[in-house]
Amino acid sequence: MNQFLSLLLNGLSLGAIYALIALGFVIIFKASEVVTFMQGSLLLLGAYLIARLSEPIGFWAAAAVGIVGTAAAAVLVERLLISRLRGAPVISLAILTIGVDLIILTEITRRIGSDILNVGHPWGGDAVSIGGVGITTNRALAIVVAGILIGAFFIAFKFSSWGIAMRAAAEDGEAAALMGIRLGWVSMVAWLVAGVLAAVAGLFATGSPTPGVTPAIWAVALAALPAAILGGLDSTGGALVGGLIIGVATAMAAGYQDQIAFLGRGFGEVVPYVVMVAVLLVRPSGLFGTRDVTRV
């Protein structure tokens, strides 16, 4: 029972990180109808900047610079590339984001080399006990910070002018533009928010029990993409639920790998995709996604 609770808690903490990244996928899709594949490189960029700057300027200043820098990079991509190609086929924009993702990933991989960069978290490898179940302080903070950020986003999405404009653009972009909503501004802010969420996810994804920053953390976003699709690519609430489901499923598969050894070693690495496929077979639009209805 103790093992189950420990895996559940660690799965929820991992799911909180996935939820931050998945929310970035959803925000961009709702604002600009672009399925972005850049969240992995943005996550890696944020973690890399924080790791490189934490020693010379201190962790908190480095965290601020890393988050701002990642948000700025996301906005630059949106302004210089996505906004100029607005109206292009969706598949072309998706491939464009793959290209940019590979460019950023390749450059940061070249700079890191075979090293493992230490982010320098003040809480280090400390652990806390929640209800008698142990969890690293880094993962506990990930749950708290993710909860605060996601809660703040939902409030802004519901009540701020940008949130209202984004919901209108997602519902009917052409009608929203005719009503005076600046779709370019909505898209730019969406990319900025997605960049912030990716950097924060990178900050916690590289802390204990993860040893530090390596190019391999880019793959964290690959597990978050099934979370976004599982919840529904146009559902912000679905991103949260999908992230938690994928996080718990991944942790459980890793924790009980001996019991499921007949499925093959490393099965936990493909669990996010197995869960996604299983759900999509029943609900093709995701758990909370909007079904398109076509009159014939």
Protein backbone atom coordinates (compact mmCIF):
# COMPACT_ATOMS: atom_id res chain seq x y z
CA MET A 1 0.00 0.00 0.00
CA ASN A 2 2.86 2.35 0.88
CA GLN A 3 4.46 1.72 -2.51
CA PHE A 4 1.20 2.44 -4.28
CA LEU A 5 0.72 5.75 -2.43
CA SER A 6 4.32 6.73 -3.10
CA LEU A 7 3.95 6.00 -6.81
CA LEU A 8 0.63 7.84 -6.89
CA LEU A 9 2.10 10.96 -5.29
CA ASN A 10 5.16 10.92 -7.53
CA GLY A 11 2.90 10.33 -10.52
CA LEU A 12 0.81 13.36 -9.63
CA SER A 13 3.96 15.49 -9.29
CA LEU A 14 5.18 14.29 -12.68
CA GLY A 15 1.70 14.89 -14.05
CA ALA A 16 1.81 18.48 -12.81
CA ILE A 17 4.91 19.04 -14.96
CA TYR A 18 3.22 17.38 -17.92
CA ALA A 19 0.13 19.53 -17.35
CA LEU A 20 2.18 22.74 -17.64
CA ILE A 21 3.59 21.63 -20.99
CA ALA A 22 0.27 20.25 -22.23
CA LEU A 23 -1.43 23.52 -21.37
CA GLY A 24 1.08 25.28 -23.62
CA PHE A 25 0.10 22.99 -26.53
CA VAL A 26 -3.59 23.71 -25.92
CA ILE A 27 -3.23 27.49 -25.51
CA ILE A 28 -1.37 27.85 -28.80
CA PHE A 29 -3.83 25.59 -30.62
CA LYS A 30 -6.84 27.49 -29.32
CA ALA A 31 -5.35 30.90 -30.12
CA SER A 32 -3.83 30.23 -33.54
CA GLU A 33 -4.97 26.71 -34.58
CA VAL A 34 -1.31 25.69 -34.78
CA VAL A 35 -0.27 22.28 -33.46
CA THR A 36 3.16 23.26 -32.20
CA PHE A 37 6.00 20.79 -31.68
CA MET A 38 8.29 23.38 -30.12
CA GLN A 39 7.47 22.85 -26.44
CA GLY A 40 10.33 20.40 -26.02
CA SER A 41 12.99 22.81 -27.27
CA LEU A 42 11.47 25.68 -25.27
CA LEU A 43 11.59 23.53 -22.13
CA LEU A 44 15.23 22.67 -22.84
CA LEU A 45 16.07 26.31 -23.62
CA GLY A 46 14.62 27.52 -20.32
CA ALA A 47 16.42 24.85 -18.30
CA TYR A 48 19.69 25.53 -20.15
CA LEU A 49 19.56 29.28 -19.51
CA ILE A 50 18.82 28.76 -15.81
CA ALA A 51 21.64 26.21 -15.45
CA ARG A 52 24.21 28.40 -17.21
CA LEU A 53 23.29 31.56 -15.30
CA SER A 54 22.61 30.16 -11.82
CA GLU A 55 26.26 30.24 -10.78
CA PRO A 56 27.24 33.75 -11.96
CA ILE A 57 24.03 35.60 -10.99
CA GLY A 58 22.30 33.29 -8.51
CA PHE A 59 19.45 30.83 -8.87
CA TRP A 60 16.47 33.17 -8.51
CA ALA A 61 17.83 35.76 -10.94
CA ALA A 62 18.75 32.96 -13.35
CA ALA A 63 15.25 31.50 -13.07
CA ALA A 64 13.74 34.89 -13.91
CA VAL A 65 16.07 35.40 -16.88
CA GLY A 66 15.46 31.84 -18.10
CA ILE A 67 11.69 32.21 -17.98
CA VAL A 68 11.73 35.64 -19.64
CA GLY A 69 14.24 34.47 -22.26
CA THR A 70 12.17 31.42 -23.15
CA ALA A 71 9.00 33.50 -23.40
CA ALA A 72 10.84 35.98 -25.64
CA ALA A 73 12.05 33.15 -27.90
CA ALA A 74 8.48 31.86 -28.24
CA VAL A 75 7.21 35.34 -29.10
CA LEU A 76 9.97 35.83 -31.69
CA VAL A 77 8.99 32.59 -33.44
CA GLU A 78 5.36 33.66 -33.45
CA ARG A 79 6.08 37.19 -34.71
CA LEU A 80 8.75 36.33 -37.30
CA LEU A 81 7.32 33.09 -38.65
CA ILE A 82 3.84 32.05 -37.54
CA SER A 83 2.17 35.46 -37.94
CA ARG A 84 3.65 35.92 -41.41
CA LEU A 85 2.23 32.57 -42.51
CA ARG A 86 -1.23 33.00 -41.00
CA GLY A 87 -3.72 31.32 -43.30
CA ALA A 88 -1.20 28.74 -44.50
CA PRO A 89 -2.19 25.04 -44.32
CA VAL A 90 -2.13 23.71 -40.77
CA ILE A 91 0.28 20.92 -41.73
CA SER A 92 2.76 23.49 -43.08
CA LEU A 93 2.75 25.41 -39.80
CA ALA A 94 3.18 22.19 -37.82
CA ILE A 95 6.17 21.20 -39.94
CA LEU A 96 7.58 24.70 -39.49
CA THR A 97 7.51 24.31 -35.70
CA ILE A 98 9.24 20.93 -36.04
CA GLY A 99 12.01 22.60 -38.03
CA VAL A 100 12.48 25.38 -35.47
CA ASP A 101 12.38 22.81 -32.67
CA LEU A 102 15.19 20.81 -34.28
CA ILE A 103 17.30 23.93 -34.83
CA ILE A 104 17.05 24.95 -31.16
CA LEU A 105 17.56 21.38 -29.94
CA THR A 106 20.63 20.87 -32.13
CA GLU A 107 22.24 24.13 -31.03
CA ILE A 108 21.68 23.53 -27.31
CA THR A 109 22.83 19.91 -27.64
CA ARG A 110 26.03 21.18 -29.26
CA ARG A 111 26.59 23.60 -26.39
CA ILE A 112 25.91 21.05 -23.64
CA GLY A 113 27.84 18.21 -25.24
CA SER A 114 28.21 15.23 -22.93
CA ASP A 115 27.96 17.34 -19.77
CA ILE A 116 25.17 17.30 -17.21
CA LEU A 117 24.44 20.88 -16.16
CA ASN A 118 23.45 21.50 -12.55
CA VAL A 119 20.55 23.93 -12.22
CA GLY A 120 21.47 24.76 -8.63
CA HIS A 121 18.04 24.44 -7.01
CA PRO A 122 18.25 25.86 -3.45
CA TRP A 123 16.26 22.88 -2.15
CA GLY A 124 18.67 20.41 -3.77
CA GLY A 125 17.79 16.77 -3.19
CA ASP A 126 15.81 17.33 0.01
CA ALA A 127 12.71 15.25 0.61
CA VAL A 128 9.46 15.87 2.45
CA SER A 129 6.84 13.52 3.87
CA ILE A 130 3.19 13.94 2.93
CA GLY A 131 0.86 11.69 4.87
CA GLY A 132 3.72 9.35 5.64
CA VAL A 133 4.72 9.11 1.98
CA GLY A 134 8.08 10.53 0.90
CA ILE A 135 8.59 12.77 -2.10
CA THR A 136 11.44 15.05 -3.16
CA THR A 137 11.02 18.71 -2.29
CA ASN A 138 11.48 19.54 -5.97
CA ARG A 139 8.50 17.41 -6.98
CA ALA A 140 6.38 18.73 -4.09
CA LEU A 141 7.13 22.29 -5.18
CA ALA A 142 6.28 21.32 -8.76
CA ILE A 143 2.77 20.38 -7.63
CA VAL A 144 2.32 23.64 -5.71
CA VAL A 145 3.74 25.94 -8.42
CA ALA A 146 1.90 24.14 -11.22
CA GLY A 147 -1.35 24.43 -9.25
CA ILE A 148 -0.83 28.17 -8.75
CA LEU A 149 0.08 28.84 -12.39
CA ILE A 150 -2.72 26.74 -13.82
CA GLY A 151 -5.21 28.31 -11.39
CA ALA A 152 -4.01 31.80 -12.38
CA PHE A 153 -4.35 30.89 -16.04
CA PHE A 154 -7.93 29.65 -15.61
CA ILE A 155 -8.86 32.89 -13.80
CA ALA A 156 -7.27 34.98 -16.56
CA PHE A 157 -8.85 32.79 -19.23
CA LYS A 158 -12.28 33.31 -17.67
CA PHE A 159 -12.19 36.98 -16.71
CA SER A 160 -9.38 38.88 -18.48
CA SER A 161 -9.84 40.65 -21.82
CA TRP A 162 -7.22 38.37 -23.37
CA GLY A 163 -9.04 35.27 -22.11
CA ILE A 164 -12.34 36.47 -23.50
CA ALA A 165 -10.68 37.35 -26.81
CA MET A 166 -9.00 33.96 -26.94
CA ARG A 167 -12.25 32.11 -26.33
CA ALA A 168 -13.93 34.17 -29.05
CA ALA A 169 -11.07 33.48 -31.48
CA ALA A 170 -11.23 29.76 -30.72
CA GLU A 171 -14.99 29.72 -31.27
CA ASP A 172 -14.99 31.62 -34.57
CA GLY A 173 -11.84 33.47 -35.60
CA GLU A 174 -13.42 35.26 -38.54
CA ALA A 175 -16.35 36.55 -36.49
CA ALA A 176 -13.99 37.59 -33.68
CA ALA A 177 -11.87 39.59 -36.13
CA LEU A 178 -14.97 41.31 -37.49
CA MET A 179 -15.86 42.29 -33.91
CA GLY A 180 -12.53 44.06 -33.55
CA ILE A 181 -10.52 41.37 -31.75
CA ARG A 182 -6.88 41.45 -32.82
CA LEU A 183 -6.11 37.82 -33.57
CA GLY A 184 -2.40 38.56 -33.91
CA TRP A 185 -2.29 39.96 -30.37
CA VAL A 186 -4.18 36.94 -29.01
CA SER A 187 -1.76 34.58 -30.75
CA MET A 188 1.32 36.45 -29.53
CA VAL A 189 0.21 36.38 -25.89
CA ALA A 190 -0.64 32.67 -26.21
CA TRP A 191 2.88 31.88 -27.40
CA LEU A 192 4.32 34.03 -24.61
CA VAL A 193 2.31 32.15 -21.96
CA ALA A 194 3.27 28.80 -23.50
CA GLY A 195 6.94 29.82 -23.33
CA VAL A 196 6.62 30.73 -19.65
CA LEU A 197 4.92 27.41 -18.84
CA ALA A 198 7.59 25.44 -20.74
CA ALA A 199 10.41 27.20 -18.86
CA VAL A 200 8.79 26.58 -15.47
CA ALA A 201 8.26 22.93 -16.40
CA GLY A 202 11.93 22.72 -17.41
CA LEU A 203 12.96 24.20 -14.05
CA PHE A 204 11.28 21.37 -12.13
CA ALA A 205 11.89 18.61 -14.71
CA THR A 206 15.65 19.01 -14.17
CA GLY A 207 15.51 18.87 -10.36
CA SER A 208 15.67 15.87 -8.02
CA PRO A 209 15.32 12.98 -8.79
CA THR A 210 16.58 14.06 -12.26
CA PRO A 211 20.36 14.74 -12.08
CA GLY A 212 20.34 17.93 -14.14
CA VAL A 213 20.08 19.38 -17.64
CA THR A 214 20.85 17.11 -20.56
CA PRO A 215 19.43 17.17 -24.09
CA ALA A 216 17.33 14.16 -23.07
CA ILE A 217 14.88 16.31 -21.09
CA TRP A 218 13.58 17.54 -24.44
CA ALA A 219 11.73 14.23 -24.55
CA VAL A 220 9.59 15.25 -21.54
CA ALA A 221 7.46 17.28 -23.95
CA LEU A 222 6.91 14.16 -26.07
CA ALA A 223 5.10 12.62 -23.10
CA ALA A 224 3.15 15.84 -22.54
CA LEU A 225 1.84 15.87 -26.12
CA PRO A 226 -0.21 12.69 -25.54
CA ALA A 227 -1.50 14.36 -22.36
CA ALA A 228 -2.79 17.31 -24.39
CA ILE A 229 -4.35 15.07 -27.03
CA LEU A 230 -5.79 12.74 -24.39
CA GLY A 231 -7.55 15.62 -22.63
CA GLY A 232 -8.63 17.24 -25.88
CA LEU A 233 -6.39 19.56 -27.87
CA ASP A 234 -8.92 22.38 -27.60
CA SER A 235 -9.66 21.92 -23.87
CA THR A 236 -7.63 23.79 -21.25
CA GLY A 237 -9.17 21.72 -18.45
CA GLY A 238 -8.40 18.60 -20.45
CA ALA A 239 -4.69 19.51 -20.45
CA LEU A 240 -4.68 19.38 -16.64
CA VAL A 241 -6.58 16.09 -16.44
CA GLY A 242 -4.56 14.55 -19.27
CA GLY A 243 -1.27 15.57 -17.65
CA LEU A 244 -2.22 13.99 -14.33
CA ILE A 245 -3.45 10.78 -15.97
CA ILE A 246 -0.28 10.38 -18.03
CA GLY A 247 1.94 11.21 -15.03
CA VAL A 248 0.27 8.63 -12.79
CA ALA A 249 0.24 5.98 -15.53
CA THR A 250 3.96 6.53 -16.23
CA ALA A 251 4.89 6.35 -12.54
CA MET A 252 2.82 3.22 -11.97
CA ALA A 253 4.32 1.46 -14.99
CA ALA A 254 7.84 2.32 -13.80
CA GLY A 255 7.12 1.27 -10.22
CA TYR A 256 5.51 -2.06 -11.13
CA GLN A 257 7.82 -2.89 -14.03
CA ASP A 258 8.68 -6.29 -12.53
CA GLN A 259 5.01 -7.25 -12.47
CA ILE A 260 4.53 -6.19 -16.10
CA ALA A 261 7.87 -7.50 -17.34
CA PHE A 262 6.00 -9.70 -19.85
CA LEU A 263 5.22 -6.49 -21.76
CA GLY A 264 8.94 -5.85 -22.17
CA ARG A 265 11.52 -3.72 -20.38
CA GLY A 266 11.08 0.00 -20.81
CA PHE A 267 7.33 -0.34 -21.29
CA GLY A 268 6.89 2.70 -19.02
CA GLU A 269 8.41 4.89 -21.72
CA VAL A 270 5.60 4.13 -24.15
CA VAL A 271 2.78 4.16 -21.59
CA PRO A 272 1.76 7.77 -22.44
CA TYR A 273 1.12 6.75 -26.04
CA VAL A 274 -0.63 3.51 -25.10
CA VAL A 275 -3.02 5.41 -22.83
CA MET A 276 -3.58 8.06 -25.50
CA VAL A 277 -4.40 5.49 -28.19
CA ALA A 278 -6.72 3.58 -25.85
CA VAL A 279 -8.70 6.72 -25.03
CA LEU A 280 -8.81 7.97 -28.63
CA LEU A 281 -10.26 4.65 -29.76
CA VAL A 282 -13.27 5.41 -27.54
CA ARG A 283 -13.30 9.21 -27.75
CA PRO A 284 -11.53 10.43 -30.92
CA SER A 285 -11.73 14.07 -29.80
CA GLY A 286 -10.20 13.34 -26.38
CA LEU A 287 -11.83 13.27 -22.96
CA PHE A 288 -12.95 16.90 -23.06
CA GLY A 289 -12.36 17.84 -26.69
CA THR A 290 -15.05 19.37 -28.86
CA ARG A 291 -16.53 17.11 -31.47
CA ASP A 292 -16.89 18.62 -34.93
CA VAL A 293 -20.36 18.15 -36.30
CA THR A 294 -20.82 18.31 -40.05
CA ARG A 295 -24.28 18.71 -41.62
CA VAL A 296 -24.73 16.56 -44.71
